[in-house]
Amino acid sequence: MADMARVLLVYHYGGLYMDLDFYCHRSFNCLYQFIQNQILHTLQLQSLSSDTIAGEVHDILQSHTTTSNTPNVLVLSREPRIHAEFIHHRHRCVIQDFYLATPKHPFLKWMLDSINHKFLKNSTTTTTTTSGRSRKKKSLKKGGTTATTTAIPKEQKVLYGMDLAKSGPFSYSIEKYLNQYYYNLTHPNSTYTHTTDDTTLINVMSNGSNNMIKTKHGFEIYLDDSKQPNLAIRKHNGQKKGENSGEIEIIYEMSSDIIHPLIDASNSKLHTGCKRILCQLNQGGYITNVDSSMSSLLQTCHRLKQKKYMTSTMNTMMVHMWTHSYLDFSFLRGYYHYNTYRKVENMLQPTNECNV
């Protein structure tokens, strides 16, 4: 309930959600200014292309002269690339421990409607059959009547959170729905399944080359250097019920150095993954055939080897102090937390100065 409540509250009221284990280096005002500047900067660069709406959206955001065109903004954050590659086995990992949005953002509504639709669809099925017969576990006598319990289907276990270990934590569901949202916009006649990895998804969306994708629904999705979605904008035409003409929708994914610069060095998968790619790519003491995205990953691996777990930059606003719980609640976990988090606090003292 708490996982769903955070989405419902932010959708209805707008605002910011974040877990309690974030350490703030700069103020929220600094974060808001940074996000606005980054969105404006990206739009300004993209507006150099004559056939985009980036320039128009840029002017609206910069002027703030009308309330009717106040944009719907959703800001999400990614985990470090090294987490995505070696823990989650994909190139991008959008996590739900932090997000901010204006009230009634279209994506959050679409996500909630999708979850509700699945719930209503599955809740109408009270029994399942195997070879045409009901799967009955046992019968209990209650007041002269027979109460029959039936096996819960696997898809309902996932839906109700009863199969959490296999389906993955709710914290990553927003990425699954965001990918589906993008995919449906670019492939309106196709069906997206969560088994589609994000590499295939983005390659199909971008045709493997362009840094901007135009969808049939009016979305422009801009990709970063690693071909992952960085900024998506759309100007609604007002054809759908309840949709204002000229309404602007923005989805912005912050890079990991903004609020997720701390690497989870307690996770053995990171060390194993780094050793593997360094052995594969290091030939004669130098790295060959590496793009900018892979180069950044290799640099992080070298820092991990040197026990430098922070990849903060001048744009870092806060740090998520957490691990993936692989140490359980042991002495080692407490020791790791104390040493690692103390270093973060010494490195990034709280300040009201905004470096934006």
Protein backbone atom coordinates (compact mmCIF):
# COMPACT_ATOMS: atom_id res chain seq x y z
CA MET A 1 0.00 0.00 0.00
CA ALA A 2 2.80 2.42 0.86
CA ASP A 3 4.43 1.85 -2.53
CA MET A 4 1.24 2.69 -4.39
CA ALA A 5 0.36 5.55 -2.04
CA ARG A 6 3.49 7.48 -2.99
CA VAL A 7 2.46 7.46 -6.65
CA LEU A 8 -1.15 8.39 -5.89
CA LEU A 9 -0.17 11.30 -3.62
CA VAL A 10 2.35 12.77 -6.05
CA TYR A 11 -0.09 12.35 -8.92
CA HIS A 12 -2.94 14.08 -7.06
CA TYR A 13 -1.09 16.85 -5.26
CA GLY A 14 2.18 17.09 -7.14
CA GLY A 15 5.46 17.60 -5.32
CA LEU A 16 8.52 15.55 -4.46
CA TYR A 17 8.85 12.02 -3.09
CA MET A 18 12.15 10.71 -1.75
CA ASP A 19 13.22 7.93 0.61
CA LEU A 20 14.38 8.85 4.10
CA ASP A 21 17.94 7.63 3.52
CA PHE A 22 18.96 10.50 1.24
CA TYR A 23 21.76 12.79 2.39
CA CYS A 24 21.27 16.36 1.16
CA HIS A 25 24.37 18.21 -0.02
CA ARG A 26 22.52 21.18 -1.52
CA SER A 27 19.05 22.61 -0.92
CA PHE A 28 15.88 21.69 -2.84
CA ASN A 29 15.92 25.18 -4.37
CA CYS A 30 19.30 24.35 -5.91
CA LEU A 31 17.89 21.09 -7.26
CA TYR A 32 14.87 22.83 -8.81
CA GLN A 33 17.08 25.45 -10.45
CA PHE A 34 19.41 22.78 -11.78
CA ILE A 35 16.57 20.71 -13.26
CA GLN A 36 15.02 23.74 -14.93
CA ASN A 37 18.37 24.83 -16.38
CA GLN A 38 19.12 21.33 -17.67
CA ILE A 39 15.75 21.02 -19.39
CA LEU A 40 16.10 24.49 -20.92
CA HIS A 41 19.66 23.74 -22.04
CA THR A 42 18.65 20.48 -23.72
CA LEU A 43 15.70 22.15 -25.44
CA GLN A 44 17.88 25.03 -26.58
CA LEU A 45 20.37 22.65 -28.17
CA GLN A 46 17.61 20.63 -29.85
CA SER A 47 15.80 23.73 -31.11
CA LEU A 48 18.67 24.21 -33.56
CA SER A 49 16.89 21.52 -35.54
CA SER A 50 14.20 23.24 -37.61
CA ASP A 51 11.63 20.44 -37.45
CA THR A 52 11.11 20.10 -33.67
CA ILE A 53 8.88 21.63 -31.01
CA ALA A 54 11.86 22.04 -28.67
CA GLY A 55 12.25 25.74 -29.44
CA GLU A 56 8.58 26.46 -28.75
CA VAL A 57 8.61 24.57 -25.45
CA HIS A 58 11.85 26.32 -24.49
CA ASP A 59 10.27 29.75 -24.99
CA ILE A 60 7.18 28.79 -22.95
CA LEU A 61 9.27 27.48 -20.05
CA GLN A 62 11.49 30.53 -20.07
CA SER A 63 8.70 33.09 -20.22
CA HIS A 64 6.09 31.68 -17.77
CA THR A 65 3.68 34.30 -19.08
CA THR A 66 0.55 32.15 -19.26
CA THR A 67 -1.00 29.73 -16.81
CA SER A 68 -2.82 27.80 -19.55
CA ASN A 69 0.49 26.53 -20.92
CA THR A 70 2.04 25.59 -17.59
CA PRO A 71 3.84 22.34 -18.47
CA ASN A 72 3.29 18.94 -16.87
CA VAL A 73 6.75 17.98 -15.62
CA LEU A 74 7.93 14.64 -14.25
CA VAL A 75 11.54 14.26 -13.07
CA LEU A 76 13.04 10.81 -12.41
CA SER A 77 16.52 9.60 -11.50
CA ARG A 78 18.78 6.78 -12.61
CA GLU A 79 21.00 4.52 -10.58
CA PRO A 80 24.70 4.46 -11.55
CA ARG A 81 25.38 2.83 -14.90
CA ILE A 82 27.50 0.19 -13.17
CA HIS A 83 24.44 -0.88 -11.13
CA ALA A 84 22.32 -1.12 -14.27
CA GLU A 85 24.91 -3.18 -16.15
CA PHE A 86 26.07 -5.65 -13.51
CA ILE A 87 23.18 -5.90 -11.02
CA HIS A 88 20.10 -5.42 -13.23
CA HIS A 89 21.65 -6.48 -16.57
CA ARG A 90 20.55 -3.51 -18.66
CA HIS A 91 21.97 -0.16 -19.76
CA ARG A 92 19.65 2.08 -17.77
CA CYS A 93 17.96 1.78 -14.41
CA VAL A 94 15.26 4.27 -13.39
CA ILE A 95 14.49 3.87 -9.71
CA GLN A 96 11.42 4.96 -7.81
CA ASP A 97 13.15 6.14 -4.62
CA PHE A 98 13.00 9.74 -5.86
CA TYR A 99 10.73 11.63 -8.23
CA LEU A 100 8.96 14.94 -8.46
CA ALA A 101 6.04 15.98 -10.59
CA THR A 102 3.43 18.62 -11.19
CA PRO A 103 -0.15 17.59 -10.28
CA LYS A 104 -2.01 15.23 -12.63
CA HIS A 105 0.96 14.38 -14.82
CA PRO A 106 -0.26 12.37 -17.88
CA PHE A 107 2.28 9.58 -17.47
CA LEU A 108 1.42 8.95 -13.82
CA LYS A 109 -2.27 8.85 -14.75
CA TRP A 110 -1.53 6.38 -17.56
CA MET A 111 0.54 4.25 -15.17
CA LEU A 112 -2.15 4.19 -12.48
CA ASP A 113 -4.86 3.44 -15.06
CA SER A 114 -2.77 0.55 -16.40
CA ILE A 115 -2.28 -0.94 -12.94
CA ASN A 116 -5.97 -0.49 -12.14
CA HIS A 117 -6.96 -2.13 -15.43
CA LYS A 118 -4.80 -5.17 -14.66
CA PHE A 119 -6.22 -5.37 -11.16
CA LEU A 120 -9.84 -5.24 -12.32
CA LYS A 121 -9.16 -7.72 -15.11
CA ASN A 122 -7.50 -10.28 -12.83
CA SER A 123 -9.80 -9.78 -9.86
CA THR A 124 -12.80 -10.97 -11.92
CA THR A 125 -11.23 -14.44 -12.06
CA THR A 126 -11.94 -16.23 -8.79
CA THR A 127 -10.94 -19.70 -9.90
CA THR A 128 -8.51 -21.18 -12.37
CA THR A 129 -8.80 -24.41 -14.25
CA THR A 130 -6.34 -27.07 -15.23
CA SER A 131 -7.50 -29.15 -18.18
CA GLY A 132 -10.98 -27.76 -17.65
CA ARG A 133 -11.16 -28.66 -13.93
CA SER A 134 -11.04 -26.35 -10.90
CA ARG A 135 -7.85 -26.56 -8.85
CA LYS A 136 -9.25 -27.01 -5.33
CA LYS A 137 -6.88 -27.13 -2.39
CA LYS A 138 -9.19 -28.13 0.47
CA SER A 139 -12.66 -27.65 1.87
CA LEU A 140 -13.50 -26.30 5.31
CA LYS A 141 -16.84 -26.84 7.05
CA LYS A 142 -18.30 -23.57 8.35
CA GLY A 143 -21.79 -23.58 9.84
CA GLY A 144 -22.92 -26.48 7.74
CA THR A 145 -21.66 -24.92 4.49
CA THR A 146 -18.57 -25.75 2.51
CA ALA A 147 -15.96 -23.06 1.89
CA THR A 148 -13.63 -23.88 -0.98
CA THR A 149 -10.19 -22.32 -1.41
CA THR A 150 -8.56 -22.28 -4.81
CA ALA A 151 -4.95 -21.87 -5.88
CA ILE A 152 -4.00 -18.30 -6.74
CA PRO A 153 -2.70 -17.95 -10.31
CA LYS A 154 0.90 -16.83 -10.73
CA GLU A 155 -0.10 -13.62 -12.52
CA GLN A 156 -2.31 -12.66 -9.58
CA LYS A 157 0.51 -13.38 -7.14
CA VAL A 158 2.68 -10.95 -9.06
CA LEU A 159 -0.14 -8.41 -9.21
CA TYR A 160 -0.81 -8.52 -5.48
CA GLY A 161 2.89 -8.45 -4.59
CA MET A 162 2.85 -12.08 -3.41
CA ASP A 163 5.57 -13.10 -5.87
CA LEU A 164 7.89 -10.21 -5.04
CA ALA A 165 11.11 -12.19 -5.07
CA LYS A 166 10.53 -13.33 -8.64
CA SER A 167 8.83 -10.26 -10.12
CA GLY A 168 11.26 -7.73 -8.63
CA PRO A 169 10.72 -4.87 -6.19
CA PHE A 170 8.09 -2.21 -6.77
CA SER A 171 10.89 0.38 -6.77
CA TYR A 172 11.68 -0.51 -10.38
CA SER A 173 8.12 -0.77 -11.68
CA ILE A 174 8.12 2.87 -12.78
CA GLU A 175 10.89 2.05 -15.26
CA LYS A 176 8.89 -0.85 -16.68
CA TYR A 177 5.82 1.35 -17.19
CA LEU A 178 7.90 4.20 -18.58
CA ASN A 179 9.44 1.87 -21.17
CA GLN A 180 5.97 0.62 -22.03
CA TYR A 181 4.73 4.22 -22.30
CA TYR A 182 7.53 5.13 -24.71
CA TYR A 183 7.11 1.92 -26.68
CA ASN A 184 3.36 2.40 -27.10
CA LEU A 185 3.98 5.93 -28.33
CA THR A 186 6.48 4.77 -30.94
CA HIS A 187 4.66 1.52 -31.83
CA PRO A 188 0.92 2.18 -31.43
CA ASN A 189 -0.03 -1.05 -33.18
CA SER A 190 2.39 -3.28 -31.24
CA THR A 191 2.28 -4.88 -27.81
CA TYR A 192 5.09 -4.23 -25.35
CA THR A 193 6.13 -6.94 -22.91
CA HIS A 194 8.41 -6.40 -19.93
CA THR A 195 10.62 -9.21 -21.23
CA THR A 196 11.85 -6.82 -23.94
CA ASP A 197 15.22 -5.59 -22.69
CA ASP A 198 15.86 -1.85 -22.80
CA THR A 199 18.67 -2.23 -25.37
CA THR A 200 16.28 -3.71 -27.92
CA LEU A 201 13.63 -1.18 -26.98
CA ILE A 202 15.85 1.87 -27.48
CA ASN A 203 17.54 0.48 -30.59
CA VAL A 204 14.13 -0.04 -32.19
CA MET A 205 12.98 3.41 -31.09
CA SER A 206 16.07 5.23 -32.35
CA ASN A 207 16.77 2.99 -35.36
CA GLY A 208 20.26 2.65 -33.91
CA SER A 209 21.42 6.07 -35.06
CA ASN A 210 19.43 9.23 -34.32
CA ASN A 211 19.53 11.03 -30.98
CA MET A 212 15.92 12.12 -31.30
CA ILE A 213 12.80 10.04 -31.90
CA LYS A 214 9.51 11.45 -33.14
CA THR A 215 6.44 9.43 -32.25
CA LYS A 216 3.06 9.29 -33.96
CA HIS A 217 1.55 10.78 -30.80
CA GLY A 218 3.58 13.97 -31.02
CA PHE A 219 6.32 13.03 -28.56
CA GLU A 220 9.93 13.98 -29.17
CA ILE A 221 12.25 11.73 -27.17
CA TYR A 222 15.87 12.86 -26.90
CA LEU A 223 18.56 10.29 -26.17
CA ASP A 224 21.84 10.78 -24.33
CA ASP A 225 25.27 9.55 -25.45
CA SER A 226 24.44 5.99 -24.40
CA LYS A 227 21.24 6.02 -26.49
CA GLN A 228 19.00 6.07 -23.42
CA PRO A 229 16.01 8.43 -23.01
CA ASN A 230 17.08 11.68 -21.37
CA LEU A 231 14.22 14.07 -22.12
CA ALA A 232 10.77 13.52 -23.63
CA ILE A 233 8.46 16.40 -24.58
CA ARG A 234 5.03 16.54 -26.14
CA LYS A 235 2.55 19.29 -26.95
CA HIS A 236 -0.97 17.87 -26.71
CA ASN A 237 -3.41 18.79 -29.43
CA GLY A 238 -6.40 18.68 -27.10
CA GLN A 239 -8.25 15.99 -29.04
CA LYS A 240 -8.69 13.68 -26.05
CA LYS A 241 -11.27 14.22 -23.35
CA GLY A 242 -9.98 16.39 -20.51
CA GLU A 243 -6.92 17.43 -22.47
CA ASN A 244 -6.20 21.13 -22.94
CA SER A 245 -5.07 22.31 -26.35
CA GLY A 246 -1.41 23.29 -26.22
CA GLU A 247 -0.76 21.44 -22.96
CA ILE A 248 2.89 20.47 -22.63
CA GLU A 249 4.16 17.21 -21.17
CA ILE A 250 7.79 16.77 -20.08
CA ILE A 251 9.60 13.70 -18.70
CA TYR A 252 13.20 14.26 -17.63
CA GLU A 253 15.59 11.54 -16.43
CA MET A 254 18.44 12.87 -14.32
CA SER A 255 21.86 11.25 -14.69
CA SER A 256 23.08 9.27 -11.70
CA ASP A 257 25.66 11.83 -10.55
CA ILE A 258 22.91 14.26 -9.47
CA ILE A 259 21.43 12.24 -6.59
CA HIS A 260 22.79 8.69 -7.01
CA PRO A 261 26.58 9.12 -7.14
CA LEU A 262 27.37 6.44 -4.52
CA ILE A 263 28.28 2.99 -5.79
CA ASP A 264 27.12 -0.01 -3.77
CA ALA A 265 30.57 -1.54 -3.25
CA SER A 266 29.09 -4.20 -0.96
CA ASN A 267 27.60 -5.95 -3.97
CA SER A 268 29.92 -8.65 -5.32
CA LYS A 269 28.25 -8.48 -8.75
CA LEU A 270 29.90 -5.11 -9.37
CA HIS A 271 33.38 -6.44 -8.65
CA THR A 272 32.80 -9.56 -10.77
CA GLY A 273 31.39 -7.53 -13.68
CA CYS A 274 34.24 -5.03 -13.62
CA LYS A 275 36.85 -7.78 -13.62
CA ARG A 276 35.14 -9.40 -16.59
CA ILE A 277 35.01 -6.35 -18.85
CA LEU A 278 38.50 -5.20 -17.88
CA CYS A 279 39.85 -8.62 -18.86
CA GLN A 280 37.92 -8.51 -22.13
CA LEU A 281 38.81 -4.97 -23.17
CA ASN A 282 42.24 -4.34 -21.67
CA GLN A 283 44.76 -5.30 -24.33
CA GLY A 284 48.38 -4.44 -23.76
CA GLY A 285 47.58 -1.89 -21.06
CA TYR A 286 45.13 0.19 -23.12
CA ILE A 287 41.44 0.06 -23.93
CA THR A 288 40.28 -0.29 -27.54
CA ASN A 289 36.91 0.01 -29.32
CA VAL A 290 35.19 1.78 -26.45
CA ASP A 291 32.54 4.47 -26.89
CA SER A 292 32.08 7.38 -24.45
CA SER A 293 29.42 5.51 -22.48
CA MET A 294 31.58 2.40 -22.03
CA SER A 295 34.57 4.58 -21.22
CA SER A 296 32.64 6.12 -18.33
CA LEU A 297 31.73 2.64 -17.08
CA LEU A 298 35.37 1.55 -17.21
CA GLN A 299 36.43 4.63 -15.28
CA THR A 300 33.90 3.73 -12.59
CA CYS A 301 35.32 0.19 -12.47
CA HIS A 302 38.82 1.58 -11.96
CA ARG A 303 37.51 3.75 -9.11
CA LEU A 304 35.80 0.72 -7.59
CA LYS A 305 39.10 -1.17 -7.68
CA GLN A 306 40.73 1.76 -5.88
CA LYS A 307 37.93 1.73 -3.26
CA LYS A 308 36.68 5.12 -4.41
CA TYR A 309 32.94 4.58 -4.28
CA MET A 310 31.76 8.14 -4.88
CA THR A 311 31.34 9.39 -8.45
CA SER A 312 30.09 12.84 -7.48
CA THR A 313 30.46 15.87 -9.73
CA MET A 314 30.00 19.62 -9.37
CA ASN A 315 26.29 18.99 -10.09
CA THR A 316 25.72 16.50 -7.24
CA MET A 317 22.78 17.63 -5.10
CA MET A 318 22.28 14.70 -2.73
CA VAL A 319 23.37 11.12 -2.12
CA HIS A 320 21.27 8.04 -1.61
CA MET A 321 22.86 6.23 1.35
CA TRP A 322 21.88 2.63 0.72
CA THR A 323 22.96 -0.84 -0.32
CA HIS A 324 21.13 -3.68 -2.01
CA SER A 325 21.00 -5.52 1.36
CA TYR A 326 23.46 -8.21 0.33
CA LEU A 327 25.19 -7.89 3.72
CA ASP A 328 21.91 -8.45 5.55
CA PHE A 329 21.77 -6.90 9.03
CA SER A 330 25.18 -8.10 10.09
CA PHE A 331 28.21 -6.47 11.70
CA LEU A 332 29.78 -6.15 8.24
CA ARG A 333 26.78 -4.14 7.02
CA GLY A 334 27.04 -1.73 9.95
CA TYR A 335 30.81 -1.38 9.48
CA TYR A 336 30.39 -0.72 5.75
CA HIS A 337 27.68 1.85 6.36
CA TYR A 338 29.66 3.69 9.02
CA ASN A 339 32.85 3.97 6.98
CA THR A 340 31.28 4.66 3.59
CA TYR A 341 28.63 7.12 4.72
CA ARG A 342 31.06 8.99 6.96
CA LYS A 343 33.32 9.54 3.95
CA VAL A 344 30.39 10.89 1.97
CA GLU A 345 29.49 13.34 4.72
CA ASN A 346 33.09 14.52 4.97
CA MET A 347 33.39 14.89 1.22
CA LEU A 348 30.09 16.71 0.66
CA GLN A 349 29.32 19.12 3.47
CA PRO A 350 25.78 20.59 3.50
CA THR A 351 25.69 23.99 1.79
CA ASN A 352 23.14 26.56 0.67
CA GLU A 353 25.25 27.61 -2.31
CA CYS A 354 23.85 26.56 -5.66
CA ASN A 355 26.39 25.62 -8.29
CA VAL A 356 23.96 25.98 -11.20
